[in-house]
mmCIF file of all heavy atoms, coordinates in Angstrom:
data_MODEL
# 
_entry.id   MODEL 
# 
loop_
_atom_site.group_PDB 
_atom_site.id 
_atom_site.type_symbol 
_atom_site.label_atom_id 
_atom_site.label_alt_id 
_atom_site.label_comp_id 
_atom_site.label_asym_id 
_atom_site.label_entity_id 
_atom_site.label_seq_id 
_atom_site.pdbx_PDB_ins_code 
_atom_site.Cartn_x 
_atom_site.Cartn_y 
_atom_site.Cartn_z 
_atom_site.occupancy 
_atom_site.B_iso_or_equiv 
_atom_site.pdbx_formal_charge 
_atom_site.auth_seq_id 
_atom_site.auth_comp_id 
_atom_site.auth_asym_id 
_atom_site.auth_atom_id 
_atom_site.pdbx_PDB_model_num 
ATOM 1   N N   . THR A 1 1  ? -0.312  -31.935 40.640 1.00 0.00 ? 1  THR A N   1 
ATOM 2   C CA  . THR A 1 1  ? -0.735  -32.444 39.331 1.00 0.00 ? 1  THR A CA  1 
ATOM 3   C C   . THR A 1 1  ? 0.325   -32.201 38.265 1.00 0.00 ? 1  THR A C   1 
ATOM 4   O O   . THR A 1 1  ? 0.455   -32.992 37.322 1.00 0.00 ? 1  THR A O   1 
ATOM 5   C CB  . THR A 1 1  ? -2.075  -31.829 38.897 1.00 0.00 ? 1  THR A CB  1 
ATOM 6   O OG1 . THR A 1 1  ? -1.956  -30.398 38.853 1.00 0.00 ? 1  THR A OG1 1 
ATOM 7   C CG2 . THR A 1 1  ? -3.178  -32.193 39.869 1.00 0.00 ? 1  THR A CG2 1 
ATOM 8   N N   . ALA A 1 2  ? 1.099   -31.127 38.412 1.00 0.00 ? 2  ALA A N   1 
ATOM 9   C CA  . ALA A 1 2  ? 2.191   -30.876 37.467 1.00 0.00 ? 2  ALA A CA  1 
ATOM 10  C C   . ALA A 1 2  ? 3.241   -31.966 37.565 1.00 0.00 ? 2  ALA A C   1 
ATOM 11  O O   . ALA A 1 2  ? 3.794   -32.404 36.552 1.00 0.00 ? 2  ALA A O   1 
ATOM 12  C CB  . ALA A 1 2  ? 2.818   -29.514 37.730 1.00 0.00 ? 2  ALA A CB  1 
ATOM 13  N N   . ALA A 1 3  ? 3.521   -32.417 38.785 1.00 0.00 ? 3  ALA A N   1 
ATOM 14  C CA  . ALA A 1 3  ? 4.480   -33.504 38.966 1.00 0.00 ? 3  ALA A CA  1 
ATOM 15  C C   . ALA A 1 3  ? 3.987   -34.782 38.298 1.00 0.00 ? 3  ALA A C   1 
ATOM 16  O O   . ALA A 1 3  ? 4.754   -35.495 37.645 1.00 0.00 ? 3  ALA A O   1 
ATOM 17  C CB  . ALA A 1 3  ? 4.726   -33.737 40.452 1.00 0.00 ? 3  ALA A CB  1 
ATOM 18  N N   . VAL A 1 4  ? 2.701   -35.055 38.448 1.00 0.00 ? 4  VAL A N   1 
ATOM 19  C CA  . VAL A 1 4  ? 2.124   -36.253 37.822 1.00 0.00 ? 4  VAL A CA  1 
ATOM 20  C C   . VAL A 1 4  ? 2.254   -36.176 36.305 1.00 0.00 ? 4  VAL A C   1 
ATOM 21  O O   . VAL A 1 4  ? 2.606   -37.157 35.639 1.00 0.00 ? 4  VAL A O   1 
ATOM 22  C CB  . VAL A 1 4  ? 0.656   -36.430 38.246 1.00 0.00 ? 4  VAL A CB  1 
ATOM 23  C CG1 . VAL A 1 4  ? -0.008  -37.541 37.443 1.00 0.00 ? 4  VAL A CG1 1 
ATOM 24  C CG2 . VAL A 1 4  ? 0.561   -36.729 39.736 1.00 0.00 ? 4  VAL A CG2 1 
ATOM 25  N N   . ARG A 1 5  ? 1.998   -35.001 35.753 1.00 0.00 ? 5  ARG A N   1 
ATOM 26  C CA  . ARG A 1 5  ? 2.130   -34.835 34.292 1.00 0.00 ? 5  ARG A CA  1 
ATOM 27  C C   . ARG A 1 5  ? 3.562   -35.051 33.830 1.00 0.00 ? 5  ARG A C   1 
ATOM 28  O O   . ARG A 1 5  ? 3.804   -35.444 32.685 1.00 0.00 ? 5  ARG A O   1 
ATOM 29  C CB  . ARG A 1 5  ? 1.641   -33.442 33.876 1.00 0.00 ? 5  ARG A CB  1 
ATOM 30  C CG  . ARG A 1 5  ? 0.128   -33.270 33.925 1.00 0.00 ? 5  ARG A CG  1 
ATOM 31  C CD  . ARG A 1 5  ? -0.306  -32.042 33.152 1.00 0.00 ? 5  ARG A CD  1 
ATOM 32  N NE  . ARG A 1 5  ? 0.247   -30.814 33.713 1.00 0.00 ? 5  ARG A NE  1 
ATOM 33  C CZ  . ARG A 1 5  ? -0.331  -30.102 34.670 1.00 0.00 ? 5  ARG A CZ  1 
ATOM 34  N NH1 . ARG A 1 5  ? -1.498  -30.498 35.184 1.00 0.00 ? 5  ARG A NH1 1 
ATOM 35  N NH2 . ARG A 1 5  ? 0.215   -29.000 35.117 1.00 0.00 ? 5  ARG A NH2 1 
ATOM 36  N N   . ALA A 1 6  ? 4.516   -34.800 34.732 1.00 0.00 ? 6  ALA A N   1 
ATOM 37  C CA  . ALA A 1 6  ? 5.929   -34.987 34.395 1.00 0.00 ? 6  ALA A CA  1 
ATOM 38  C C   . ALA A 1 6  ? 6.390   -36.418 34.628 1.00 0.00 ? 6  ALA A C   1 
ATOM 39  O O   . ALA A 1 6  ? 7.565   -36.726 34.422 1.00 0.00 ? 6  ALA A O   1 
ATOM 40  C CB  . ALA A 1 6  ? 6.785   -34.018 35.210 1.00 0.00 ? 6  ALA A CB  1 
ATOM 41  N N   . GLY A 1 7  ? 5.482   -37.282 35.081 1.00 0.00 ? 7  GLY A N   1 
ATOM 42  C CA  . GLY A 1 7  ? 5.828   -38.676 35.286 1.00 0.00 ? 7  GLY A CA  1 
ATOM 43  C C   . GLY A 1 7  ? 6.196   -39.042 36.700 1.00 0.00 ? 7  GLY A C   1 
ATOM 44  O O   . GLY A 1 7  ? 6.553   -40.196 36.977 1.00 0.00 ? 7  GLY A O   1 
ATOM 45  N N   . LEU A 1 8  ? 6.103   -38.078 37.632 1.00 0.00 ? 8  LEU A N   1 
ATOM 46  C CA  . LEU A 1 8  ? 6.384   -38.342 39.034 1.00 0.00 ? 8  LEU A CA  1 
ATOM 47  C C   . LEU A 1 8  ? 5.082   -38.710 39.743 1.00 0.00 ? 8  LEU A C   1 
ATOM 48  O O   . LEU A 1 8  ? 3.993   -38.645 39.165 1.00 0.00 ? 8  LEU A O   1 
ATOM 49  C CB  . LEU A 1 8  ? 6.994   -37.109 39.720 1.00 0.00 ? 8  LEU A CB  1 
ATOM 50  C CG  . LEU A 1 8  ? 8.412   -36.686 39.365 1.00 0.00 ? 8  LEU A CG  1 
ATOM 51  C CD1 . LEU A 1 8  ? 8.490   -36.087 37.967 1.00 0.00 ? 8  LEU A CD1 1 
ATOM 52  C CD2 . LEU A 1 8  ? 8.949   -35.681 40.393 1.00 0.00 ? 8  LEU A CD2 1 
ATOM 53  N N   . ARG A 1 9  ? 5.184   -39.052 40.992 1.00 0.00 ? 9  ARG A N   1 
ATOM 54  C CA  . ARG A 1 9  ? 4.018   -39.146 41.854 1.00 0.00 ? 9  ARG A CA  1 
ATOM 55  C C   . ARG A 1 9  ? 3.857   -37.804 42.551 1.00 0.00 ? 9  ARG A C   1 
ATOM 56  O O   . ARG A 1 9  ? 4.843   -37.176 42.937 1.00 0.00 ? 9  ARG A O   1 
ATOM 57  C CB  . ARG A 1 9  ? 4.196   -40.254 42.886 1.00 0.00 ? 9  ARG A CB  1 
ATOM 58  C CG  . ARG A 1 9  ? 4.341   -41.643 42.280 1.00 0.00 ? 9  ARG A CG  1 
ATOM 59  C CD  . ARG A 1 9  ? 4.821   -42.637 43.298 1.00 0.00 ? 9  ARG A CD  1 
ATOM 60  N NE  . ARG A 1 9  ? 4.884   -43.991 42.760 1.00 0.00 ? 9  ARG A NE  1 
ATOM 61  C CZ  . ARG A 1 9  ? 5.403   -45.027 43.410 1.00 0.00 ? 9  ARG A CZ  1 
ATOM 62  N NH1 . ARG A 1 9  ? 5.911   -44.865 44.627 1.00 0.00 ? 9  ARG A NH1 1 
ATOM 63  N NH2 . ARG A 1 9  ? 5.423   -46.224 42.855 1.00 0.00 ? 9  ARG A NH2 1 
ATOM 64  N N   . GLY A 1 10 ? 2.624   -37.376 42.718 1.00 0.00 ? 10 GLY A N   1 
ATOM 65  C CA  . GLY A 1 10 ? 2.378   -36.078 43.328 1.00 0.00 ? 10 GLY A CA  1 
ATOM 66  C C   . GLY A 1 10 ? 1.532   -36.191 44.578 1.00 0.00 ? 10 GLY A C   1 
ATOM 67  O O   . GLY A 1 10 ? 0.607   -37.009 44.641 1.00 0.00 ? 10 GLY A O   1 
ATOM 68  N N   . VAL A 1 11 ? 1.843   -35.375 45.581 1.00 0.00 ? 11 VAL A N   1 
ATOM 69  C CA  . VAL A 1 11 ? 1.034   -35.262 46.798 1.00 0.00 ? 11 VAL A CA  1 
ATOM 70  C C   . VAL A 1 11 ? 0.757   -33.786 47.031 1.00 0.00 ? 11 VAL A C   1 
ATOM 71  O O   . VAL A 1 11 ? 1.679   -32.956 47.011 1.00 0.00 ? 11 VAL A O   1 
ATOM 72  C CB  . VAL A 1 11 ? 1.762   -35.864 48.012 1.00 0.00 ? 11 VAL A CB  1 
ATOM 73  C CG1 . VAL A 1 11 ? 0.991   -35.557 49.303 1.00 0.00 ? 11 VAL A CG1 1 
ATOM 74  C CG2 . VAL A 1 11 ? 1.924   -37.371 47.854 1.00 0.00 ? 11 VAL A CG2 1 
ATOM 75  N N   . TRP A 1 12 ? -0.507  -33.474 47.249 1.00 0.00 ? 12 TRP A N   1 
ATOM 76  C CA  . TRP A 1 12 ? -0.902  -32.098 47.538 1.00 0.00 ? 12 TRP A CA  1 
ATOM 77  C C   . TRP A 1 12 ? -0.906  -31.890 49.045 1.00 0.00 ? 12 TRP A C   1 
ATOM 78  O O   . TRP A 1 12 ? -1.639  -32.565 49.764 1.00 0.00 ? 12 TRP A O   1 
ATOM 79  C CB  . TRP A 1 12 ? -2.278  -31.825 46.950 1.00 0.00 ? 12 TRP A CB  1 
ATOM 80  C CG  . TRP A 1 12 ? -2.802  -30.433 47.208 1.00 0.00 ? 12 TRP A CG  1 
ATOM 81  C CD1 . TRP A 1 12 ? -2.069  -29.309 47.464 1.00 0.00 ? 12 TRP A CD1 1 
ATOM 82  C CD2 . TRP A 1 12 ? -4.173  -30.014 47.225 1.00 0.00 ? 12 TRP A CD2 1 
ATOM 83  N NE1 . TRP A 1 12 ? -2.883  -28.212 47.628 1.00 0.00 ? 12 TRP A NE1 1 
ATOM 84  C CE2 . TRP A 1 12 ? -4.180  -28.627 47.491 1.00 0.00 ? 12 TRP A CE2 1 
ATOM 85  C CE3 . TRP A 1 12 ? -5.374  -30.694 47.025 1.00 0.00 ? 12 TRP A CE3 1 
ATOM 86  C CZ2 . TRP A 1 12 ? -5.369  -27.908 47.581 1.00 0.00 ? 12 TRP A CZ2 1 
ATOM 87  C CZ3 . TRP A 1 12 ? -6.562  -29.974 47.113 1.00 0.00 ? 12 TRP A CZ3 1 
ATOM 88  C CH2 . TRP A 1 12 ? -6.553  -28.595 47.381 1.00 0.00 ? 12 TRP A CH2 1 
ATOM 89  N N   . LEU A 1 13 ? -0.093  -30.949 49.514 1.00 0.00 ? 13 LEU A N   1 
ATOM 90  C CA  . LEU A 1 13 ? -0.077  -30.555 50.920 1.00 0.00 ? 13 LEU A CA  1 
ATOM 91  C C   . LEU A 1 13 ? -1.021  -29.374 51.079 1.00 0.00 ? 13 LEU A C   1 
ATOM 92  O O   . LEU A 1 13 ? -0.692  -28.239 50.733 1.00 0.00 ? 13 LEU A O   1 
ATOM 93  C CB  . LEU A 1 13 ? 1.348   -30.168 51.347 1.00 0.00 ? 13 LEU A CB  1 
ATOM 94  C CG  . LEU A 1 13 ? 1.504   -29.556 52.737 1.00 0.00 ? 13 LEU A CG  1 
ATOM 95  C CD1 . LEU A 1 13 ? 1.041   -30.528 53.819 1.00 0.00 ? 13 LEU A CD1 1 
ATOM 96  C CD2 . LEU A 1 13 ? 2.943   -29.134 52.984 1.00 0.00 ? 13 LEU A CD2 1 
ATOM 97  N N   . ASP A 1 14 ? -2.206  -29.630 51.578 1.00 0.00 ? 14 ASP A N   1 
ATOM 98  C CA  . ASP A 1 14 ? -3.241  -28.598 51.729 1.00 0.00 ? 14 ASP A CA  1 
ATOM 99  C C   . ASP A 1 14 ? -3.350  -28.238 53.206 1.00 0.00 ? 14 ASP A C   1 
ATOM 100 O O   . ASP A 1 14 ? -4.029  -28.906 53.972 1.00 0.00 ? 14 ASP A O   1 
ATOM 101 C CB  . ASP A 1 14 ? -4.567  -29.122 51.191 1.00 0.00 ? 14 ASP A CB  1 
ATOM 102 C CG  . ASP A 1 14 ? -5.686  -28.098 51.306 1.00 0.00 ? 14 ASP A CG  1 
ATOM 103 O OD1 . ASP A 1 14 ? -5.377  -26.915 51.594 1.00 0.00 ? 14 ASP A OD1 1 
ATOM 104 O OD2 . ASP A 1 14 ? -6.845  -28.462 51.127 1.00 0.00 ? 14 ASP A OD2 1 
ATOM 105 N N   . ARG A 1 15 ? -2.672  -27.167 53.592 1.00 0.00 ? 15 ARG A N   1 
ATOM 106 C CA  . ARG A 1 15 ? -2.642  -26.743 54.992 1.00 0.00 ? 15 ARG A CA  1 
ATOM 107 C C   . ARG A 1 15 ? -3.843  -25.878 55.373 1.00 0.00 ? 15 ARG A C   1 
ATOM 108 O O   . ARG A 1 15 ? -3.929  -25.413 56.506 1.00 0.00 ? 15 ARG A O   1 
ATOM 109 C CB  . ARG A 1 15 ? -1.358  -25.956 55.280 1.00 0.00 ? 15 ARG A CB  1 
ATOM 110 C CG  . ARG A 1 15 ? -0.067  -26.781 55.182 1.00 0.00 ? 15 ARG A CG  1 
ATOM 111 C CD  . ARG A 1 15 ? 1.120   -25.932 55.608 1.00 0.00 ? 15 ARG A CD  1 
ATOM 112 N NE  . ARG A 1 15 ? 2.401   -26.635 55.547 1.00 0.00 ? 15 ARG A NE  1 
ATOM 113 C CZ  . ARG A 1 15 ? 2.880   -27.403 56.508 1.00 0.00 ? 15 ARG A CZ  1 
ATOM 114 N NH1 . ARG A 1 15 ? 2.175   -27.579 57.621 1.00 0.00 ? 15 ARG A NH1 1 
ATOM 115 N NH2 . ARG A 1 15 ? 4.060   -27.993 56.380 1.00 0.00 ? 15 ARG A NH2 1 
ATOM 116 N N   . SER A 1 16 ? -4.763  -25.651 54.461 1.00 0.00 ? 16 SER A N   1 
ATOM 117 C CA  . SER A 1 16 ? -5.856  -24.702 54.699 1.00 0.00 ? 16 SER A CA  1 
ATOM 118 C C   . SER A 1 16 ? -6.842  -25.173 55.755 1.00 0.00 ? 16 SER A C   1 
ATOM 119 O O   . SER A 1 16 ? -7.524  -24.358 56.384 1.00 0.00 ? 16 SER A O   1 
ATOM 120 C CB  . SER A 1 16 ? -6.604  -24.433 53.395 1.00 0.00 ? 16 SER A CB  1 
ATOM 121 O OG  . SER A 1 16 ? -7.321  -25.585 52.982 1.00 0.00 ? 16 SER A OG  1 
ATOM 122 N N   . GLY A 1 17 ? -6.960  -26.482 55.932 1.00 0.00 ? 17 GLY A N   1 
ATOM 123 C CA  . GLY A 1 17 ? -7.964  -26.992 56.864 1.00 0.00 ? 17 GLY A CA  1 
ATOM 124 C C   . GLY A 1 17 ? -9.363  -26.966 56.296 1.00 0.00 ? 17 GLY A C   1 
ATOM 125 O O   . GLY A 1 17 ? -10.336 -27.326 56.974 1.00 0.00 ? 17 GLY A O   1 
ATOM 126 N N   . VAL A 1 18 ? -9.497  -26.554 55.043 1.00 0.00 ? 18 VAL A N   1 
ATOM 127 C CA  . VAL A 1 18 ? -10.801 -26.484 54.368 1.00 0.00 ? 18 VAL A CA  1 
ATOM 128 C C   . VAL A 1 18 ? -10.909 -27.670 53.418 1.00 0.00 ? 18 VAL A C   1 
ATOM 129 O O   . VAL A 1 18 ? -9.950  -27.981 52.705 1.00 0.00 ? 18 VAL A O   1 
ATOM 130 C CB  . VAL A 1 18 ? -10.929 -25.163 53.581 1.00 0.00 ? 18 VAL A CB  1 
ATOM 131 C CG1 . VAL A 1 18 ? -12.259 -25.119 52.846 1.00 0.00 ? 18 VAL A CG1 1 
ATOM 132 C CG2 . VAL A 1 18 ? -10.775 -23.979 54.518 1.00 0.00 ? 18 VAL A CG2 1 
ATOM 133 N N   . PRO A 1 19 ? -12.050 -28.363 53.395 1.00 0.00 ? 19 PRO A N   1 
ATOM 134 C CA  . PRO A 1 19 ? -12.199 -29.486 52.460 1.00 0.00 ? 19 PRO A CA  1 
ATOM 135 C C   . PRO A 1 19 ? -11.892 -29.073 51.033 1.00 0.00 ? 19 PRO A C   1 
ATOM 136 O O   . PRO A 1 19 ? -12.222 -27.955 50.608 1.00 0.00 ? 19 PRO A O   1 
ATOM 137 C CB  . PRO A 1 19 ? -13.675 -29.878 52.630 1.00 0.00 ? 19 PRO A CB  1 
ATOM 138 C CG  . PRO A 1 19 ? -14.032 -29.425 54.013 1.00 0.00 ? 19 PRO A CG  1 
ATOM 139 C CD  . PRO A 1 19 ? -13.248 -28.158 54.239 1.00 0.00 ? 19 PRO A CD  1 
ATOM 140 N N   . ALA A 1 20 ? -11.251 -29.950 50.294 1.00 0.00 ? 20 ALA A N   1 
ATOM 141 C CA  . ALA A 1 20 ? -10.888 -29.658 48.907 1.00 0.00 ? 20 ALA A CA  1 
ATOM 142 C C   . ALA A 1 20 ? -12.131 -29.264 48.114 1.00 0.00 ? 20 ALA A C   1 
ATOM 143 O O   . ALA A 1 20 ? -13.162 -29.919 48.208 1.00 0.00 ? 20 ALA A O   1 
ATOM 144 C CB  . ALA A 1 20 ? -10.207 -30.866 48.272 1.00 0.00 ? 20 ALA A CB  1 
ATOM 145 N N   . PRO A 1 21 ? -12.051 -28.191 47.313 1.00 0.00 ? 21 PRO A N   1 
ATOM 146 C CA  . PRO A 1 21 ? -13.230 -27.713 46.575 1.00 0.00 ? 21 PRO A CA  1 
ATOM 147 C C   . PRO A 1 21 ? -13.647 -28.632 45.443 1.00 0.00 ? 21 PRO A C   1 
ATOM 148 O O   . PRO A 1 21 ? -14.721 -28.504 44.909 1.00 0.00 ? 21 PRO A O   1 
ATOM 149 C CB  . PRO A 1 21 ? -12.755 -26.358 46.034 1.00 0.00 ? 21 PRO A CB  1 
ATOM 150 C CG  . PRO A 1 21 ? -11.261 -26.505 45.920 1.00 0.00 ? 21 PRO A CG  1 
ATOM 151 C CD  . PRO A 1 21 ? -10.862 -27.363 47.094 1.00 0.00 ? 21 PRO A CD  1 
ATOM 152 N N   . ARG A 1 22 ? -12.769 -29.542 45.059 1.00 0.00 ? 22 ARG A N   1 
ATOM 153 C CA  . ARG A 1 22 ? -13.115 -30.443 43.960 1.00 0.00 ? 22 ARG A CA  1 
ATOM 154 C C   . ARG A 1 22 ? -12.376 -31.760 44.157 1.00 0.00 ? 22 ARG A C   1 
ATOM 155 O O   . ARG A 1 22 ? -11.409 -31.840 44.901 1.00 0.00 ? 22 ARG A O   1 
ATOM 156 C CB  . ARG A 1 22 ? -12.734 -29.821 42.619 1.00 0.00 ? 22 ARG A CB  1 
ATOM 157 C CG  . ARG A 1 22 ? -11.253 -29.457 42.525 1.00 0.00 ? 22 ARG A CG  1 
ATOM 158 C CD  . ARG A 1 22 ? -10.983 -28.693 41.245 1.00 0.00 ? 22 ARG A CD  1 
ATOM 159 N NE  . ARG A 1 22 ? -9.599  -28.325 41.090 1.00 0.00 ? 22 ARG A NE  1 
ATOM 160 C CZ  . ARG A 1 22 ? -9.050  -27.271 41.648 1.00 0.00 ? 22 ARG A CZ  1 
ATOM 161 N NH1 . ARG A 1 22 ? -9.784  -26.492 42.419 1.00 0.00 ? 22 ARG A NH1 1 
ATOM 162 N NH2 . ARG A 1 22 ? -7.781  -26.979 41.440 1.00 0.00 ? 22 ARG A NH2 1 
ATOM 163 N N   . GLN A 1 23 ? -12.830 -32.778 43.469 1.00 0.00 ? 23 GLN A N   1 
ATOM 164 C CA  . GLN A 1 23 ? -12.151 -34.062 43.520 1.00 0.00 ? 23 GLN A CA  1 
ATOM 165 C C   . GLN A 1 23 ? -10.769 -33.934 42.892 1.00 0.00 ? 23 GLN A C   1 
ATOM 166 O O   . GLN A 1 23 ? -10.581 -33.233 41.902 1.00 0.00 ? 23 GLN A O   1 
ATOM 167 C CB  . GLN A 1 23 ? -12.969 -35.112 42.770 1.00 0.00 ? 23 GLN A CB  1 
ATOM 168 C CG  . GLN A 1 23 ? -14.297 -35.439 43.432 1.00 0.00 ? 23 GLN A CG  1 
ATOM 169 C CD  . GLN A 1 23 ? -14.112 -36.112 44.783 1.00 0.00 ? 23 GLN A CD  1 
ATOM 170 O OE1 . GLN A 1 23 ? -13.234 -36.940 44.955 1.00 0.00 ? 23 GLN A OE1 1 
ATOM 171 N NE2 . GLN A 1 23 ? -14.938 -35.744 45.740 1.00 0.00 ? 23 GLN A NE2 1 
ATOM 172 N N   . THR A 1 24 ? -9.807  -34.598 43.480 1.00 0.00 ? 24 THR A N   1 
ATOM 173 C CA  . THR A 1 24 ? -8.459  -34.572 42.937 1.00 0.00 ? 24 THR A CA  1 
ATOM 174 C C   . THR A 1 24 ? -8.012  -35.999 42.640 1.00 0.00 ? 24 THR A C   1 
ATOM 175 O O   . THR A 1 24 ? -8.510  -36.959 43.229 1.00 0.00 ? 24 THR A O   1 
ATOM 176 C CB  . THR A 1 24 ? -7.466  -33.945 43.926 1.00 0.00 ? 24 THR A CB  1 
ATOM 177 O OG1 . THR A 1 24 ? -7.337  -34.802 45.071 1.00 0.00 ? 24 THR A OG1 1 
ATOM 178 C CG2 . THR A 1 24 ? -7.936  -32.575 44.372 1.00 0.00 ? 24 THR A CG2 1 
ATOM 179 N N   . ASP A 1 25 ? -7.083  -36.109 41.716 1.00 0.00 ? 25 ASP A N   1 
ATOM 180 C CA  . ASP A 1 25 ? -6.549  -37.417 41.344 1.00 0.00 ? 25 ASP A CA  1 
ATOM 181 C C   . ASP A 1 25 ? -5.245  -37.714 42.064 1.00 0.00 ? 25 ASP A C   1 
ATOM 182 O O   . ASP A 1 25 ? -4.572  -38.685 41.751 1.00 0.00 ? 25 ASP A O   1 
ATOM 183 C CB  . ASP A 1 25 ? -6.323  -37.481 39.829 1.00 0.00 ? 25 ASP A CB  1 
ATOM 184 C CG  . ASP A 1 25 ? -7.625  -37.392 39.045 1.00 0.00 ? 25 ASP A CG  1 
ATOM 185 O OD1 . ASP A 1 25 ? -8.642  -37.884 39.560 1.00 0.00 ? 25 ASP A OD1 1 
ATOM 186 O OD2 . ASP A 1 25 ? -7.618  -36.815 37.941 1.00 0.00 ? 25 ASP A OD2 1 
ATOM 187 N N   . VAL A 1 26 ? -4.873  -36.858 43.019 1.00 0.00 ? 26 VAL A N   1 
ATOM 188 C CA  . VAL A 1 26 ? -3.633  -37.065 43.763 1.00 0.00 ? 26 VAL A CA  1 
ATOM 189 C C   . VAL A 1 26 ? -3.957  -37.160 45.251 1.00 0.00 ? 26 VAL A C   1 
ATOM 190 O O   . VAL A 1 26 ? -4.967  -36.628 45.718 1.00 0.00 ? 26 VAL A O   1 
ATOM 191 C CB  . VAL A 1 26 ? -2.630  -35.915 43.521 1.00 0.00 ? 26 VAL A CB  1 
ATOM 192 C CG1 . VAL A 1 26 ? -2.228  -35.852 42.064 1.00 0.00 ? 26 VAL A CG1 1 
ATOM 193 C CG2 . VAL A 1 26 ? -3.210  -34.581 43.980 1.00 0.00 ? 26 VAL A CG2 1 
ATOM 194 N N   . PRO A 1 27 ? -3.118  -37.841 46.029 1.00 0.00 ? 27 PRO A N   1 
ATOM 195 C CA  . PRO A 1 27 ? -3.327  -37.892 47.476 1.00 0.00 ? 27 PRO A CA  1 
ATOM 196 C C   . PRO A 1 27 ? -3.222  -36.492 48.084 1.00 0.00 ? 27 PRO A C   1 
ATOM 197 O O   . PRO A 1 27 ? -2.469  -35.647 47.594 1.00 0.00 ? 27 PRO A O   1 
ATOM 198 C CB  . PRO A 1 27 ? -2.191  -38.791 47.963 1.00 0.00 ? 27 PRO A CB  1 
ATOM 199 C CG  . PRO A 1 27 ? -1.739  -39.549 46.764 1.00 0.00 ? 27 PRO A CG  1 
ATOM 200 C CD  . PRO A 1 27 ? -1.963  -38.653 45.601 1.00 0.00 ? 27 PRO A CD  1 
# 
């Protein structure tokens, strides 16, 4: 999300294997 705020595209690499705890606006 910090990258998105800076004008880039952002992707979250979530290696936890646990469903995201909240909705996100990034892939």
